[in-house]
C-alpha cells in the first residue's frame, strides 16, 4: 500500500545517506526501521521496564539498611565536613 509521510529535510538526508552506505534503497531502509521500531517497544508499551542500574560503593561505612536510607546517607555526608 502506498502512503505519504512528511519528513524534515535533515532526517530525509540522513535516511538517504544511510541507505546509500548500506547499499539499499530508501524504501527498504524505511521499511526495515519501521518494522524494527514496531517490534522493539513491545515491552515498553506494556509498561515493563528493566531494573535500574545499581552502584556498589564498598567500604565499611555503608553497612546495614539504616545507613543506606536517605537519612543515613545524609548523616554520612554531614560527617564528612
PDB file of N, CA and C in Angstrom:
ATOM      1  N   UNK A   1       0.843  -1.172   0.000  1.00  0.00           N
ATOM      2  CA  UNK A   1       0.000   0.000   0.000  1.00  0.00           C
ATOM      3  C   UNK A   1       0.891   1.239   0.000  1.00  0.00           C
ATOM      4  N   UNK A   2       0.541   2.198  -0.737  1.00  0.00           N
ATOM      5  CA  UNK A   2       1.295   3.451  -0.783  1.00  0.00           C
ATOM      6  C   UNK A   2       0.771   4.421   0.254  1.00  0.00           C
ATOM      7  N   UNK A   3       1.681   5.191   0.791  1.00  0.00           N
ATOM      8  CA  UNK A   3       1.293   6.239   1.731  1.00  0.00           C
ATOM      9  C   UNK A   3       2.272   7.393   1.589  1.00  0.00           C
ATOM     10  N   UNK A   4       1.888   8.527   2.087  1.00  0.00           N
ATOM     11  CA  UNK A   4       2.750   9.703   2.028  1.00  0.00           C
ATOM     12  C   UNK A   4       3.035  10.154   3.450  1.00  0.00           C
ATOM     13  N   UNK A   5       4.306  10.398   3.739  1.00  0.00           N
ATOM     14  CA  UNK A   5       4.679  10.952   5.034  1.00  0.00           C
ATOM     15  C   UNK A   5       5.565  12.165   4.800  1.00  0.00           C
ATOM     16  N   UNK A   6       5.461  13.114   5.686  1.00  0.00           N
ATOM     17  CA  UNK A   6       6.299  14.309   5.613  1.00  0.00           C
ATOM     18  C   UNK A   6       7.445  14.156   6.590  1.00  0.00           C
ATOM     19  N   UNK A   7       8.653  14.178   6.073  1.00  0.00           N
ATOM     20  CA  UNK A   7       9.845  14.085   6.903  1.00  0.00           C
ATOM     21  C   UNK A   7      10.610  15.394   6.826  1.00  0.00           C
ATOM     22  N   UNK A   8      11.172  15.830   7.928  1.00  0.00           N
ATOM     23  CA  UNK A   8      12.017  17.026   7.883  1.00  0.00           C
ATOM     24  C   UNK A   8      13.208  16.767   6.945  1.00  0.00           C
ATOM     25  N   UNK A   9      13.635  17.795   6.231  1.00  0.00           N
ATOM     26  CA  UNK A   9      14.729  17.646   5.275  1.00  0.00           C
ATOM     27  C   UNK A   9      15.994  17.028   5.872  1.00  0.00           C
ATOM     28  N   UNK A  10      16.428  17.447   7.073  1.00  0.00           N
ATOM     29  CA  UNK A  10      17.640  16.826   7.634  1.00  0.00           C
ATOM     30  C   UNK A  10      17.471  15.319   7.864  1.00  0.00           C
ATOM     31  N   UNK A  11      16.291  14.901   8.289  1.00  0.00           N
ATOM     32  CA  UNK A  11      16.046  13.484   8.512  1.00  0.00           C
ATOM     33  C   UNK A  11      16.045  12.727   7.190  1.00  0.00           C
ATOM     34  N   UNK A  12      15.441  13.282   6.182  1.00  0.00           N
ATOM     35  CA  UNK A  12      15.429  12.632   4.868  1.00  0.00           C
ATOM     36  C   UNK A  12      16.849  12.499   4.315  1.00  0.00           C
ATOM     37  N   UNK A  13      17.659  13.534   4.479  1.00  0.00           N
ATOM     38  CA  UNK A  13      19.057  13.457   4.030  1.00  0.00           C
ATOM     39  C   UNK A  13      19.804  12.354   4.774  1.00  0.00           C
ATOM     40  N   UNK A  14      19.559  12.261   6.077  1.00  0.00           N
ATOM     41  CA  UNK A  14      20.216  11.239   6.883  1.00  0.00           C
ATOM     42  C   UNK A  14      19.779   9.839   6.442  1.00  0.00           C
ATOM     43  N   UNK A  15      18.499   9.663   6.169  1.00  0.00           N
ATOM     44  CA  UNK A  15      17.997   8.374   5.701  1.00  0.00           C
ATOM     45  C   UNK A  15      18.597   8.002   4.349  1.00  0.00           C
ATOM     46  N   UNK A  16      18.652   8.968   3.436  1.00  0.00           N
ATOM     47  CA  UNK A  16      19.226   8.700   2.110  1.00  0.00           C
ATOM     48  C   UNK A  16      20.696   8.321   2.219  1.00  0.00           C
ATOM     49  N   UNK A  17      21.430   9.030   3.074  1.00  0.00           N
ATOM     50  CA  UNK A  17      22.854   8.742   3.249  1.00  0.00           C
ATOM     51  C   UNK A  17      23.047   7.342   3.841  1.00  0.00           C
ATOM     52  N   UNK A  18      22.236   7.002   4.812  1.00  0.00           N
ATOM     53  CA  UNK A  18      22.356   5.675   5.424  1.00  0.00           C
ATOM     54  C   UNK A  18      22.006   4.584   4.427  1.00  0.00           C
ATOM     55  N   UNK A  19      20.978   4.809   3.636  1.00  0.00           N
ATOM     56  CA  UNK A  19      20.596   3.824   2.627  1.00  0.00           C
ATOM     57  C   UNK A  19      21.741   3.619   1.640  1.00  0.00           C
ATOM     58  N   UNK A  20      22.381   4.709   1.237  1.00  0.00           N
ATOM     59  CA  UNK A  20      23.495   4.611   0.298  1.00  0.00           C
ATOM     60  C   UNK A  20      24.672   3.857   0.925  1.00  0.00           C
ATOM     61  N   UNK A  21      24.976   4.160   2.182  1.00  0.00           N
ATOM     62  CA  UNK A  21      26.072   3.485   2.865  1.00  0.00           C
ATOM     63  C   UNK A  21      25.808   1.989   3.027  1.00  0.00           C
ATOM     64  N   UNK A  22      24.550   1.632   3.234  1.00  0.00           N
ATOM     65  CA  UNK A  22      24.190   0.226   3.415  1.00  0.00           C
ATOM     66  C   UNK A  22      23.912  -0.471   2.086  1.00  0.00           C
ATOM     67  N   UNK A  23      23.950   0.291   0.997  1.00  0.00           N
ATOM     68  CA  UNK A  23      23.722  -0.297  -0.314  1.00  0.00           C
ATOM     69  C   UNK A  23      22.300  -0.788  -0.515  1.00  0.00           C
ATOM     70  N   UNK A  24      21.358  -0.064   0.035  1.00  0.00           N
ATOM     71  CA  UNK A  24      19.952  -0.437  -0.092  1.00  0.00           C
ATOM     72  C   UNK A  24      19.149   0.764  -0.573  1.00  0.00           C
ATOM     73  N   UNK A  25      17.881   0.545  -0.787  1.00  0.00           N
ATOM     74  CA  UNK A  25      17.027   1.650  -1.236  1.00  0.00           C
ATOM     75  C   UNK A  25      16.447   2.371  -0.028  1.00  0.00           C
ATOM     76  N   UNK A  26      16.015   3.585  -0.251  1.00  0.00           N
ATOM     77  CA  UNK A  26      15.376   4.358   0.805  1.00  0.00           C
ATOM     78  C   UNK A  26      14.123   3.623   1.292  1.00  0.00           C
ATOM     79  N   UNK A  27      13.352   3.090   0.355  1.00  0.00           N
ATOM     80  CA  UNK A  27      12.132   2.360   0.688  1.00  0.00           C
ATOM     81  C   UNK A  27      12.447   1.160   1.590  1.00  0.00           C
ATOM     82  N   UNK A  28      13.451   0.372   1.246  1.00  0.00           N
ATOM     83  CA  UNK A  28      13.797  -0.813   2.033  1.00  0.00           C
ATOM     84  C   UNK A  28      14.296  -0.425   3.422  1.00  0.00           C
ATOM     85  N   UNK A  29      15.081   0.643   3.492  1.00  0.00           N
ATOM     86  CA  UNK A  29      15.597   1.095   4.785  1.00  0.00           C
ATOM     87  C   UNK A  29      14.468   1.557   5.692  1.00  0.00           C
ATOM     88  N   UNK A  30      13.572   2.384   5.166  1.00  0.00           N
ATOM     89  CA  UNK A  30      12.467   2.892   5.974  1.00  0.00           C
ATOM     90  C   UNK A  30      11.581   1.737   6.434  1.00  0.00           C
ATOM     91  N   UNK A  31      11.308   0.792   5.555  1.00  0.00           N
ATOM     92  CA  UNK A  31      10.505  -0.373   5.924  1.00  0.00           C
ATOM     93  C   UNK A  31      11.174  -1.157   7.062  1.00  0.00           C
ATOM     94  N   UNK A  32      12.475  -1.386   6.948  1.00  0.00           N
ATOM     95  CA  UNK A  32      13.199  -2.126   7.985  1.00  0.00           C
ATOM     96  C   UNK A  32      13.175  -1.376   9.315  1.00  0.00           C
ATOM     97  N   UNK A  33      13.363  -0.060   9.266  1.00  0.00           N
ATOM     98  CA  UNK A  33      13.366   0.730  10.501  1.00  0.00           C
ATOM     99  C   UNK A  33      11.985   0.766  11.154  1.00  0.00           C
ATOM    100  N   UNK A  34      10.940   0.844  10.352  1.00  0.00           N
ATOM    101  CA  UNK A  34       9.581   0.838  10.901  1.00  0.00           C
ATOM    102  C   UNK A  34       9.290  -0.514  11.545  1.00  0.00           C
ATOM    103  N   UNK A  35       9.660  -1.598  10.861  1.00  0.00           N
ATOM    104  CA  UNK A  35       9.441  -2.934  11.430  1.00  0.00           C
ATOM    105  C   UNK A  35      10.216  -3.102  12.734  1.00  0.00           C
ATOM    106  N   UNK A  36      11.452  -2.615  12.749  1.00  0.00           N
ATOM    107  CA  UNK A  36      12.289  -2.685  13.949  1.00  0.00           C
ATOM    108  C   UNK A  36      11.658  -1.888  15.085  1.00  0.00           C
ATOM    109  N   UNK A  37      11.162  -0.710  14.769  1.00  0.00           N
ATOM    110  CA  UNK A  37      10.536   0.145  15.780  1.00  0.00           C
ATOM    111  C   UNK A  37       9.268  -0.466  16.344  1.00  0.00           C
ATOM    112  N   UNK A  38       8.509  -1.125  15.503  1.00  0.00           N
ATOM    113  CA  UNK A  38       7.283  -1.757  15.979  1.00  0.00           C
ATOM    114  C   UNK A  38       7.569  -2.964  16.850  1.00  0.00           C
ATOM    115  N   UNK A  39       8.643  -3.667  16.574  1.00  0.00           N
ATOM    116  CA  UNK A  39       8.985  -4.858  17.351  1.00  0.00           C
ATOM    117  C   UNK A  39       9.645  -4.491  18.679  1.00  0.00           C
ATOM    118  N   UNK A  40      10.485  -3.482  18.706  1.00  0.00           N
ATOM    119  CA  UNK A  40      11.284  -3.156  19.882  1.00  0.00           C
ATOM    120  C   UNK A  40      10.486  -2.651  21.081  1.00  0.00           C
ATOM    121  N   UNK A  41       9.585  -1.691  20.920  1.00  0.00           N
ATOM    122  CA  UNK A  41       8.959  -1.135  22.125  1.00  0.00           C
ATOM    123  C   UNK A  41       7.802  -1.956  22.667  1.00  0.00           C
ATOM    124  N   UNK A  42       7.644  -3.194  22.257  1.00  0.00           N
ATOM    125  CA  UNK A  42       6.531  -4.006  22.743  1.00  0.00           C
ATOM    126  C   UNK A  42       6.552  -4.103  24.262  1.00  0.00           C
ATOM    127  N   UNK A  43       7.699  -4.308  24.864  1.00  0.00           N
ATOM    128  CA  UNK A  43       7.798  -4.401  26.318  1.00  0.00           C
ATOM    129  C   UNK A  43       7.498  -3.048  26.955  1.00  0.00           C
ATOM    130  N   UNK A  44       7.976  -1.972  26.377  1.00  0.00           N
ATOM    131  CA  UNK A  44       7.746  -0.640  26.936  1.00  0.00           C
ATOM    132  C   UNK A  44       6.264  -0.275  26.854  1.00  0.00           C
ATOM    133  N   UNK A  45       5.585  -0.700  25.808  1.00  0.00           N
ATOM    134  CA  UNK A  45       4.171  -0.391  25.657  1.00  0.00           C
ATOM    135  C   UNK A  45       3.340  -1.068  26.736  1.00  0.00           C
ATOM    136  N   UNK A  46       3.786  -2.207  27.232  1.00  0.00           N
ATOM    137  CA  UNK A  46       3.075  -2.906  28.301  1.00  0.00           C
ATOM    138  C   UNK A  46       3.483  -2.374  29.672  1.00  0.00           C
ATOM    139  N   UNK A  47       4.367  -1.414  29.716  1.00  0.00           N
ATOM    140  CA  UNK A  47       4.794  -0.836  30.979  1.00  0.00           C
ATOM    141  C   UNK A  47       5.910  -1.611  31.660  1.00  0.00           C
ATOM    142  N   UNK A  48       6.522  -2.555  30.964  1.00  0.00           N
ATOM    143  CA  UNK A  48       7.614  -3.313  31.554  1.00  0.00           C
ATOM    144  C   UNK A  48       8.909  -2.533  31.388  1.00  0.00           C
ATOM    145  N   UNK A  49       9.642  -2.443  32.441  1.00  0.00           N
ATOM    146  CA  UNK A  49      10.911  -1.720  32.386  1.00  0.00           C
ATOM    147  C   UNK A  49      12.000  -2.605  32.952  1.00  0.00           C
ATOM    148  N   UNK A  50      13.183  -2.367  32.495  1.00  0.00           N
ATOM    149  CA  UNK A  50      14.305  -3.107  33.063  1.00  0.00           C
ATOM    150  C   UNK A  50      14.648  -2.490  34.421  1.00  0.00           C
ATOM    151  N   UNK A  51      15.339  -3.249  35.218  1.00  0.00           N
ATOM    152  CA  UNK A  51      15.740  -2.763  36.535  1.00  0.00           C
ATOM    153  C   UNK A  51      16.762  -1.639  36.365  1.00  0.00           C
ATOM    154  N   UNK A  52      16.694  -0.622  37.208  1.00  0.00           N
ATOM    155  CA  UNK A  52      17.697   0.439  37.123  1.00  0.00           C
ATOM    156  C   UNK A  52      19.061  -0.102  37.529  1.00  0.00           C
ATOM    157  N   UNK A  53      20.112   0.504  37.036  1.00  0.00           N
ATOM    158  CA  UNK A  53      21.449   0.035  37.416  1.00  0.00           C
ATOM    159  C   UNK A  53      21.704   0.305  38.896  1.00  0.00           C
ATOM    160  N   UNK A  54      22.529  -0.529  39.495  1.00  0.00           N
ATOM    161  CA  UNK A  54      22.894  -0.318  40.889  1.00  0.00           C
ATOM    162  C   UNK A  54      24.362   0.073  40.956  1.00  0.00           C
ATOM    163  N   UNK A  55      24.674   0.826  41.948  1.00  0.00           N
ATOM    164  CA  UNK A  55      26.052   1.275  42.137  1.00  0.00           C
ATOM    165  C   UNK A  55      26.542   0.715  43.454  1.00  0.00           C
ATOM    166  N   UNK A  56      27.644   0.021  43.417  1.00  0.00           N
ATOM    167  CA  UNK A  56      28.225  -0.523  44.627  1.00  0.00           C
ATOM    168  C   UNK A  56      29.391   0.363  45.027  1.00  0.00           C
ATOM    169  N   UNK A  57      29.306   0.938  46.193  1.00  0.00           N
ATOM    170  CA  UNK A  57      30.337   1.865  46.642  1.00  0.00           C
ATOM    171  C   UNK A  57      31.231   1.202  47.662  1.00  0.00           C
ATOM    172  N   UNK A  58      31.150   0.113  48.080  1.00  0.00           N
ATOM    173  CA  UNK A  58      32.065  -0.535  49.006  1.00  0.00           C
ATOM    174  C   UNK A  58      32.505   0.326  50.168  1.00  0.00           C
ATOM    175  N   UNK A  59      33.050  -0.281  51.144  1.00  0.00           N
ATOM    176  CA  UNK A  59      33.528   0.463  52.300  1.00  0.00           C
ATOM    177  C   UNK A  59      32.693   0.142  53.523  1.00  0.00           C
ATOM    178  N   UNK A  60      33.291   0.188  54.691  1.00  0.00           N
ATOM    179  CA  UNK A  60      32.600  -0.199  55.920  1.00  0.00           C
ATOM    180  C   UNK A  60      31.504   0.773  56.338  1.00  0.00           C
ATOM    181  N   UNK A  61      31.491   1.991  55.806  1.00  0.00           N
ATOM    182  CA  UNK A  61      30.521   2.992  56.240  1.00  0.00           C
ATOM    183  C   UNK A  61      29.133   2.756  55.646  1.00  0.00           C
ATOM    184  N   UNK A  62      28.985   1.858  54.679  1.00  0.00           N
ATOM    185  CA  UNK A  62      27.671   1.603  54.097  1.00  0.00           C
ATOM    186  C   UNK A  62      27.168   0.209  54.460  1.00  0.00           C
ATOM    187  N   UNK A  63      27.312  -0.180  55.707  1.00  0.00           N
ATOM    188  CA  UNK A  63      26.836  -1.483  56.143  1.00  0.00           C
ATOM    189  C   UNK A  63      25.476  -1.315  56.799  1.00  0.00           C
ATOM    190  N   UNK A  64      24.560  -2.178  56.476  1.00  0.00           N
ATOM    191  CA  UNK A  64      23.262  -2.154  57.122  1.00  0.00           C
ATOM    192  C   UNK A  64      22.272  -1.279  56.397  1.00  0.00           C
ATOM    193  N   UNK A  65      20.999  -1.633  56.594  1.00  0.00           N
ATOM    194  CA  UNK A  65      19.926  -0.929  55.897  1.00  0.00           C
ATOM    195  C   UNK A  65      19.760   0.494  56.406  1.00  0.00           C
ATOM    196  N   UNK A  66      19.944   0.695  57.715  1.00  0.00           N
ATOM    197  CA  UNK A  66      19.727   2.015  58.297  1.00  0.00           C
ATOM    198  C   UNK A  66      20.693   3.031  57.707  1.00  0.00           C
ATOM    199  N   UNK A  67      21.913   2.603  57.425  1.00  0.00           N
ATOM    200  CA  UNK A  67      22.907   3.545  56.916  1.00  0.00           C
ATOM    201  C   UNK A  67      22.720   3.833  55.425  1.00  0.00           C
ATOM    202  N   UNK A  68      21.943   3.008  54.721  1.00  0.00           N
ATOM    203  CA  UNK A  68      21.744   3.279  53.301  1.00  0.00           C
ATOM    204  C   UNK A  68      20.408   3.958  53.051  1.00  0.00           C
ATOM    205  N   UNK A  69      19.700   4.351  54.096  1.00  0.00           N
ATOM    206  CA  UNK A  69      18.472   5.127  53.927  1.00  0.00           C
ATOM    207  C   UNK A  69      18.880   6.562  53.594  1.00  0.00           C
ATOM    208  N   UNK A  70      17.930   7.357  53.193  1.00  0.00           N
ATOM    209  CA  UNK A  70      18.228   8.764  52.889  1.00  0.00           C
ATOM    210  C   UNK A  70      18.786   9.476  54.122  1.00  0.00           C
ATOM    211  N   UNK A  71      18.172   9.216  55.265  1.00  0.00           N
ATOM    212  CA  UNK A  71      18.644   9.870  56.494  1.00  0.00           C
ATOM    213  C   UNK A  71      20.067   9.420  56.822  1.00  0.00           C
ATOM    214  N   UNK A  72      20.315   8.113  56.686  1.00  0.00           N
ATOM    215  CA  UNK A  72      21.648   7.596  56.958  1.00  0.00           C
ATOM    216  C   UNK A  72      22.693   8.180  56.014  1.00  0.00           C
ATOM    217  N   UNK A  73      22.331   8.305  54.750  1.00  0.00           N
ATOM    218  CA  UNK A  73      23.259   8.890  53.787  1.00  0.00           C
ATOM    219  C   UNK A  73      23.518  10.371  54.081  1.00  0.00           C
ATOM    220  N   UNK A  74      22.468  11.083  54.497  1.00  0.00           N
ATOM    221  CA  UNK A  74      22.662  12.497  54.838  1.00  0.00           C
ATOM    222  C   UNK A  74      23.595  12.619  56.035  1.00  0.00           C
ATOM    223  N   UNK A  75      23.479  11.710  56.997  1.00  0.00           N
ATOM    224  CA  UNK A  75      24.386  11.730  58.149  1.00  0.00           C
ATOM    225  C   UNK A  75      25.832  11.512  57.696  1.00  0.00           C
ATOM    226  N   UNK A  76      26.014  10.581  56.765  1.00  0.00           N
ATOM    227  CA  UNK A  76      27.365  10.327  56.240  1.00  0.00           C
ATOM    228  C   UNK A  76      27.925  11.561  55.553  1.00  0.00           C
ATOM    229  N   UNK A  77      27.075  12.261  54.805  1.00  0.00           N
ATOM    230  CA  UNK A  77      27.518  13.469  54.125  1.00  0.00           C
ATOM    231  C   UNK A  77      27.872  14.559  55.134  1.00  0.00           C
ATOM    232  N   UNK A  78      27.042  14.689  56.178  1.00  0.00           N
ATOM    233  CA  UNK A  78      27.305  15.705  57.195  1.00  0.00           C
ATOM    234  C   UNK A  78      28.582  15.409  57.972  1.00  0.00           C
ATOM    235  N   UNK A  79      28.854  14.116  58.211  1.00  0.00           N
ATOM    236  CA  UNK A  79      30.055  13.729  58.953  1.00  0.00           C
ATOM    237  C   UNK A  79      31.324  14.041  58.175  1.00  0.00           C
ATOM    238  N   UNK A  80      31.228  14.134  56.848  1.00  0.00           N
ATOM    239  CA  UNK A  80      32.404  14.381  56.023  1.00  0.00           C
ATOM    240  C   UNK A  80      32.889  15.807  56.083  1.00  0.00           C
ATOM    241  N   UNK A  81      32.100  16.696  56.658  1.00  0.00           N
ATOM    242  CA  UNK A  81      32.502  18.123  56.703  1.00  0.00           C
ATOM    243  C   UNK A  81      33.456  18.418  57.804  1.00  0.00           C
TER     244      UNK A  81
END
